[in-house]
Amino acid sequence: MTNWYIGKRIKEDVLFNQRAEYGKQVIKNLSLRLMGRYGSGWSEKKLRHCIRCAETFSEQDIVSSAQRQLTWTLLKSLMYIKVPLERQFYVRLCGMEHWWQ
């Protein structure tokens, strides 16, 4: 949930829902500031994953996934599946099969 909210906040409040060249620099600077304050867990790559998560999943999807206790690693794998129906299938399968254990 935290990563999704961070991605949503960056996407809407920092990048203003736009994908522009300046966005790369913004993410880089934000990453440096976050790592300086909170440690190495906030690399540019991590922030891009957070943004992708917010773009891919709705808030309801994330709440539903979190209730199934899907890990961030599983969500990262699932959010790069391009076909929404295929992604939904795997999200449900992960929940039914308890792939987080």
Protein backbone atom coordinates (compact mmCIF):
# COMPACT_ATOMS: atom_id res chain seq x y z
CA MET A 1 0.00 0.00 0.00
CA THR A 2 2.80 2.42 0.90
CA ASN A 3 4.53 2.01 -2.46
CA TRP A 4 1.23 2.51 -4.30
CA TYR A 5 0.45 5.70 -2.35
CA ILE A 6 3.96 7.03 -2.96
CA GLY A 7 3.65 6.33 -6.68
CA LYS A 8 0.22 7.97 -6.80
CA ARG A 9 1.49 11.03 -4.98
CA ILE A 10 4.51 11.41 -7.27
CA LYS A 11 2.39 10.86 -10.37
CA GLU A 12 -0.30 13.36 -9.43
CA ASP A 13 1.42 15.97 -7.26
CA VAL A 14 4.98 16.00 -8.59
CA LEU A 15 4.65 15.00 -12.24
CA PHE A 16 1.07 16.32 -12.56
CA ASN A 17 0.00 13.17 -14.46
CA GLN A 18 2.37 14.01 -17.31
CA ARG A 19 5.24 12.03 -18.75
CA ALA A 20 7.80 14.59 -19.79
CA GLU A 21 11.55 14.59 -20.21
CA TYR A 22 11.86 16.79 -17.12
CA GLY A 23 10.18 13.97 -15.18
CA LYS A 24 13.35 11.91 -15.36
CA GLN A 25 15.28 14.69 -13.66
CA VAL A 26 12.52 15.19 -11.09
CA ILE A 27 12.59 11.49 -10.18
CA LYS A 28 16.38 11.54 -9.95
CA ASN A 29 16.38 14.57 -7.62
CA LEU A 30 13.53 13.19 -5.53
CA SER A 31 15.37 9.89 -5.20
CA LEU A 32 18.52 11.64 -3.99
CA ARG A 33 16.55 13.62 -1.42
CA LEU A 34 14.67 10.57 -0.15
CA MET A 35 17.83 8.46 0.08
CA GLY A 36 19.56 11.25 1.97
CA ARG A 37 16.72 11.39 4.44
CA TYR A 38 15.44 7.79 4.65
CA GLY A 39 18.21 5.55 3.32
CA SER A 40 19.09 3.61 0.21
CA GLY A 41 15.66 2.04 -0.33
CA TRP A 42 14.43 4.95 -2.48
CA SER A 43 16.40 4.60 -5.70
CA GLU A 44 15.15 6.02 -9.00
CA LYS A 45 14.22 2.49 -10.04
CA LYS A 46 12.14 1.98 -6.88
CA LEU A 47 10.33 5.28 -7.46
CA ARG A 48 9.60 4.32 -11.08
CA HIS A 49 8.16 1.01 -9.83
CA CYS A 50 5.97 2.93 -7.37
CA ILE A 51 4.70 5.20 -10.15
CA ARG A 52 4.04 2.21 -12.41
CA CYS A 53 2.11 0.54 -9.60
CA ALA A 54 -0.11 3.61 -9.21
CA GLU A 55 -0.64 3.76 -12.98
CA THR A 56 -1.44 0.07 -13.29
CA PHE A 57 -3.64 -0.66 -10.30
CA SER A 58 -6.64 1.25 -9.04
CA GLU A 59 -6.95 1.93 -5.33
CA GLN A 60 -9.52 -0.87 -5.11
CA ASP A 61 -7.10 -3.29 -6.81
CA ILE A 62 -4.41 -2.45 -4.28
CA VAL A 63 -6.72 -2.79 -1.28
CA SER A 64 -7.96 -6.11 -2.62
CA SER A 65 -4.40 -7.32 -3.30
CA ALA A 66 -3.20 -6.16 0.09
CA GLN A 67 -6.00 -8.11 1.75
CA ARG A 68 -4.66 -11.17 -0.02
CA GLN A 69 -1.21 -10.26 1.27
CA LEU A 70 0.52 -10.16 -2.10
CA THR A 71 4.12 -9.11 -1.72
CA TRP A 72 5.69 -6.09 -3.39
CA THR A 73 7.79 -8.50 -5.47
CA LEU A 74 4.67 -10.21 -6.80
CA LEU A 75 2.95 -6.89 -7.47
CA LYS A 76 6.01 -5.66 -9.37
CA SER A 77 5.89 -8.76 -11.57
CA LEU A 78 2.17 -8.42 -12.15
CA MET A 79 2.14 -4.70 -12.91
CA TYR A 80 4.32 -5.19 -15.99
CA ILE A 81 1.81 -7.55 -17.62
CA LYS A 82 0.41 -5.37 -20.40
CA VAL A 83 -2.97 -7.03 -20.97
CA PRO A 84 -5.34 -5.99 -18.12
CA LEU A 85 -7.44 -9.17 -18.27
CA GLU A 86 -4.32 -11.33 -18.11
CA ARG A 87 -3.00 -9.27 -15.17
CA GLN A 88 -6.32 -9.62 -13.31
CA PHE A 89 -6.24 -13.36 -13.90
CA TYR A 90 -2.78 -13.66 -12.33
CA VAL A 91 -3.68 -11.39 -9.40
CA ARG A 92 -6.62 -13.66 -8.60
CA LEU A 93 -4.56 -16.79 -9.14
CA CYS A 94 -1.89 -15.50 -6.74
CA GLY A 95 -4.57 -14.95 -4.12
CA MET A 96 -6.24 -18.32 -4.62
CA GLU A 97 -2.97 -20.25 -4.69
CA HIS A 98 -1.38 -18.34 -1.77
CA TRP A 99 1.75 -17.52 -3.81
CA TRP A 100 2.99 -15.10 -1.14
CA GLN A 101 3.91 -17.94 1.23
